[in-house]
């Protein structure tokens, strides 16, 4: 009888602890999600990964805006060439950065390193498209 009472009390204690831990985790998650991340102050690998992906997303938006502007200014035959080149460039970027993806596979730095590779390659492509915009059409 004593063992049965002990197990019931232990079960209640464990249930209570899981409830408290779950509530704390949920509160921490909602607090960190609502607070913007200052990438200049990023310290943890999770924060560094997130900042690298945010930088990639910014570069990607800039690239897409520039690409659309360029496409809108080109005659049809030139537009077809740039569209084909852009598709090939996307394949190149992904293949190039796959090396880093494989090299850092399973490591906590993997997302950051891949994002930094894609960002650098995207920034290079932005410079190329800006040069095309300056060419006479």
C-alpha atoms as a PDB file:
ATOM      1  CA  UNK A   1       0.000   0.000   0.000  1.00  0.00           C
ATOM      2  CA  UNK A   2       2.858   2.402   0.790  1.00  0.00           C
ATOM      3  CA  UNK A   3       4.510   1.776  -2.568  1.00  0.00           C
ATOM      4  CA  UNK A   4       1.220   2.484  -4.360  1.00  0.00           C
ATOM      5  CA  UNK A   5       0.756   5.810  -2.507  1.00  0.00           C
ATOM      6  CA  UNK A   6       4.354   6.757  -3.207  1.00  0.00           C
ATOM      7  CA  UNK A   7       3.945   6.052  -6.946  1.00  0.00           C
ATOM      8  CA  UNK A   8       0.740   8.121  -7.072  1.00  0.00           C
ATOM      9  CA  UNK A   9       2.446  11.060  -5.367  1.00  0.00           C
ATOM     10  CA  UNK A  10       5.503  10.700  -7.612  1.00  0.00           C
ATOM     11  CA  UNK A  11       3.255  10.652 -10.671  1.00  0.00           C
ATOM     12  CA  UNK A  12       1.494  13.823  -9.520  1.00  0.00           C
ATOM     13  CA  UNK A  13       4.821  15.516  -8.834  1.00  0.00           C
ATOM     14  CA  UNK A  14       6.174  14.609 -12.268  1.00  0.00           C
ATOM     15  CA  UNK A  15       2.975  15.825 -13.937  1.00  0.00           C
ATOM     16  CA  UNK A  16       3.194  19.111 -12.052  1.00  0.00           C
ATOM     17  CA  UNK A  17       6.850  19.599 -12.997  1.00  0.00           C
ATOM     18  CA  UNK A  18       6.128  18.900 -16.665  1.00  0.00           C
ATOM     19  CA  UNK A  19       3.297  21.438 -16.572  1.00  0.00           C
ATOM     20  CA  UNK A  20       5.533  24.108 -14.996  1.00  0.00           C
ATOM     21  CA  UNK A  21       8.400  23.413 -17.421  1.00  0.00           C
ATOM     22  CA  UNK A  22       6.026  23.502 -20.395  1.00  0.00           C
ATOM     23  CA  UNK A  23       4.517  26.823 -19.289  1.00  0.00           C
ATOM     24  CA  UNK A  24       7.981  28.329 -18.793  1.00  0.00           C
ATOM     25  CA  UNK A  25       9.146  27.131 -22.211  1.00  0.00           C
ATOM     26  CA  UNK A  26       6.040  28.556 -23.874  1.00  0.00           C
ATOM     27  CA  UNK A  27       6.503  31.912 -22.141  1.00  0.00           C
ATOM     28  CA  UNK A  28      10.188  32.039 -23.162  1.00  0.00           C
ATOM     29  CA  UNK A  29       9.315  31.136 -26.737  1.00  0.00           C
ATOM     30  CA  UNK A  30       6.663  33.827 -27.059  1.00  0.00           C
ATOM     31  CA  UNK A  31       8.936  36.446 -25.460  1.00  0.00           C
ATOM     32  CA  UNK A  32      11.858  35.735 -27.799  1.00  0.00           C
ATOM     33  CA  UNK A  33       9.611  35.583 -30.866  1.00  0.00           C
ATOM     34  CA  UNK A  34       8.142  39.015 -30.177  1.00  0.00           C
ATOM     35  CA  UNK A  35      11.518  40.639 -29.485  1.00  0.00           C
ATOM     36  CA  UNK A  36      13.412  41.653 -32.646  1.00  0.00           C
ATOM     37  CA  UNK A  37      16.894  40.261 -32.948  1.00  0.00           C
ATOM     38  CA  UNK A  38      19.778  42.754 -32.959  1.00  0.00           C
ATOM     39  CA  UNK A  39      22.251  41.030 -35.261  1.00  0.00           C
ATOM     40  CA  UNK A  40      25.077  43.278 -34.071  1.00  0.00           C
ATOM     41  CA  UNK A  41      24.621  41.713 -30.644  1.00  0.00           C
ATOM     42  CA  UNK A  42      24.032  38.107 -31.776  1.00  0.00           C
ATOM     43  CA  UNK A  43      25.947  35.662 -29.600  1.00  0.00           C
ATOM     44  CA  UNK A  44      24.415  32.204 -29.840  1.00  0.00           C
ATOM     45  CA  UNK A  45      24.766  30.050 -32.922  1.00  0.00           C
ATOM     46  CA  UNK A  46      20.994  30.083 -33.314  1.00  0.00           C
ATOM     47  CA  UNK A  47      21.023  33.881 -33.424  1.00  0.00           C
ATOM     48  CA  UNK A  48      23.978  33.934 -35.830  1.00  0.00           C
ATOM     49  CA  UNK A  49      22.187  31.451 -38.099  1.00  0.00           C
ATOM     50  CA  UNK A  50      19.019  33.540 -38.055  1.00  0.00           C
ATOM     51  CA  UNK A  51      20.937  36.754 -38.814  1.00  0.00           C
ATOM     52  CA  UNK A  52      22.764  35.127 -41.728  1.00  0.00           C
ATOM     53  CA  UNK A  53      19.455  33.980 -43.238  1.00  0.00           C
ATOM     54  CA  UNK A  54      17.937  37.447 -42.723  1.00  0.00           C
ATOM     55  CA  UNK A  55      20.894  38.983 -44.586  1.00  0.00           C
ATOM     56  CA  UNK A  56      20.435  36.450 -47.391  1.00  0.00           C
ATOM     57  CA  UNK A  57      16.725  37.253 -47.598  1.00  0.00           C
ATOM     58  CA  UNK A  58      17.518  40.997 -47.855  1.00  0.00           C
ATOM     59  CA  UNK A  59      20.054  40.370 -50.620  1.00  0.00           C
ATOM     60  CA  UNK A  60      17.587  38.089 -52.393  1.00  0.00           C
ATOM     61  CA  UNK A  61      14.861  40.755 -52.278  1.00  0.00           C
ATOM     62  CA  UNK A  62      17.321  43.313 -53.637  1.00  0.00           C
ATOM     63  CA  UNK A  63      18.327  40.923 -56.422  1.00  0.00           C
ATOM     64  CA  UNK A  64      14.711  40.217 -57.367  1.00  0.00           C
ATOM     65  CA  UNK A  65      13.841  43.926 -57.466  1.00  0.00           C
ATOM     66  CA  UNK A  66      16.843  44.669 -59.667  1.00  0.00           C
ATOM     67  CA  UNK A  67      16.151  41.677 -61.912  1.00  0.00           C
ATOM     68  CA  UNK A  68      12.530  42.739 -62.475  1.00  0.00           C
ATOM     69  CA  UNK A  69      13.650  46.273 -63.257  1.00  0.00           C
ATOM     70  CA  UNK A  70      16.218  45.008 -65.774  1.00  0.00           C
ATOM     71  CA  UNK A  71      13.782  42.605 -67.428  1.00  0.00           C
ATOM     72  CA  UNK A  72      11.257  45.415 -67.764  1.00  0.00           C
ATOM     73  CA  UNK A  73      13.739  47.547 -69.711  1.00  0.00           C
ATOM     74  CA  UNK A  74      15.008  44.959 -72.175  1.00  0.00           C
ATOM     75  CA  UNK A  75      13.758  44.107 -75.646  1.00  0.00           C
ATOM     76  CA  UNK A  76      12.351  40.577 -76.003  1.00  0.00           C
ATOM     77  CA  UNK A  77      15.472  38.947 -77.454  1.00  0.00           C
ATOM     78  CA  UNK A  78      17.759  40.370 -74.749  1.00  0.00           C
ATOM     79  CA  UNK A  79      15.173  39.578 -72.068  1.00  0.00           C
ATOM     80  CA  UNK A  80      15.190  35.897 -73.082  1.00  0.00           C
ATOM     81  CA  UNK A  81      18.980  35.779 -72.719  1.00  0.00           C
ATOM     82  CA  UNK A  82      18.912  37.362 -69.258  1.00  0.00           C
ATOM     83  CA  UNK A  83      16.112  35.052 -68.100  1.00  0.00           C
ATOM     84  CA  UNK A  84      18.118  32.031 -69.274  1.00  0.00           C
ATOM     85  CA  UNK A  85      21.271  33.347 -67.600  1.00  0.00           C
ATOM     86  CA  UNK A  86      19.400  33.991 -64.341  1.00  0.00           C
ATOM     87  CA  UNK A  87      18.047  30.453 -64.268  1.00  0.00           C
ATOM     88  CA  UNK A  88      21.552  29.113 -64.845  1.00  0.00           C
ATOM     89  CA  UNK A  89      22.938  31.430 -62.195  1.00  0.00           C
ATOM     90  CA  UNK A  90      20.463  30.085 -59.612  1.00  0.00           C
ATOM     91  CA  UNK A  91      21.617  26.549 -60.394  1.00  0.00           C
ATOM     92  CA  UNK A  92      25.237  27.664 -60.084  1.00  0.00           C
ATOM     93  CA  UNK A  93      24.660  29.411 -56.743  1.00  0.00           C
ATOM     94  CA  UNK A  94      22.964  26.385 -55.250  1.00  0.00           C
ATOM     95  CA  UNK A  95      25.605  23.976 -56.596  1.00  0.00           C
ATOM     96  CA  UNK A  96      28.443  26.214 -55.419  1.00  0.00           C
ATOM     97  CA  UNK A  97      27.047  26.521 -51.897  1.00  0.00           C
ATOM     98  CA  UNK A  98      26.261  22.797 -51.725  1.00  0.00           C
ATOM     99  CA  UNK A  99      29.963  22.299 -51.016  1.00  0.00           C
ATOM    100  CA  UNK A 100      29.589  24.235 -47.753  1.00  0.00           C
ATOM    101  CA  UNK A 101      26.340  22.476 -46.990  1.00  0.00           C
ATOM    102  CA  UNK A 102      28.129  19.122 -47.235  1.00  0.00           C
ATOM    103  CA  UNK A 103      31.292  20.297 -45.457  1.00  0.00           C
ATOM    104  CA  UNK A 104      29.397  21.555 -42.408  1.00  0.00           C
ATOM    105  CA  UNK A 105      26.665  18.908 -42.507  1.00  0.00           C
ATOM    106  CA  UNK A 106      25.308  18.135 -39.064  1.00  0.00           C
ATOM    107  CA  UNK A 107      27.082  21.066 -37.407  1.00  0.00           C
ATOM    108  CA  UNK A 108      25.359  23.977 -35.755  1.00  0.00           C
ATOM    109  CA  UNK A 109      27.164  26.396 -38.098  1.00  0.00           C
ATOM    110  CA  UNK A 110      25.841  24.733 -41.250  1.00  0.00           C
ATOM    111  CA  UNK A 111      22.831  27.052 -41.789  1.00  0.00           C
ATOM    112  CA  UNK A 112      24.955  30.163 -41.230  1.00  0.00           C
ATOM    113  CA  UNK A 113      27.780  29.079 -43.541  1.00  0.00           C
ATOM    114  CA  UNK A 114      25.377  28.130 -46.335  1.00  0.00           C
ATOM    115  CA  UNK A 115      23.469  31.419 -45.948  1.00  0.00           C
ATOM    116  CA  UNK A 116      26.716  33.407 -46.025  1.00  0.00           C
ATOM    117  CA  UNK A 117      27.799  31.602 -49.197  1.00  0.00           C
ATOM    118  CA  UNK A 118      24.481  32.295 -50.877  1.00  0.00           C
ATOM    119  CA  UNK A 119      24.516  35.909 -49.714  1.00  0.00           C
ATOM    120  CA  UNK A 120      28.026  36.506 -51.090  1.00  0.00           C
ATOM    121  CA  UNK A 121      27.113  34.902 -54.403  1.00  0.00           C
ATOM    122  CA  UNK A 122      23.875  36.906 -54.545  1.00  0.00           C
ATOM    123  CA  UNK A 123      25.684  40.176 -53.846  1.00  0.00           C
ATOM    124  CA  UNK A 124      28.055  39.379 -56.695  1.00  0.00           C
ATOM    125  CA  UNK A 125      25.097  38.748 -59.006  1.00  0.00           C
ATOM    126  CA  UNK A 126      23.557  42.061 -57.917  1.00  0.00           C
ATOM    127  CA  UNK A 127      26.699  43.850 -59.094  1.00  0.00           C
ATOM    128  CA  UNK A 128      26.481  42.015 -62.423  1.00  0.00           C
ATOM    129  CA  UNK A 129      22.839  43.002 -62.942  1.00  0.00           C
ATOM    130  CA  UNK A 130      23.576  46.593 -61.964  1.00  0.00           C
ATOM    131  CA  UNK A 131      26.251  46.671 -64.667  1.00  0.00           C
ATOM    132  CA  UNK A 132      23.709  45.342 -67.187  1.00  0.00           C
ATOM    133  CA  UNK A 133      21.289  48.105 -66.197  1.00  0.00           C
ATOM    134  CA  UNK A 134      23.946  50.673 -67.048  1.00  0.00           C
ATOM    135  CA  UNK A 135      24.457  49.239 -70.528  1.00  0.00           C
ATOM    136  CA  UNK A 136      22.599  50.835 -73.447  1.00  0.00           C
ATOM    137  CA  UNK A 137      19.522  48.815 -74.404  1.00  0.00           C
END
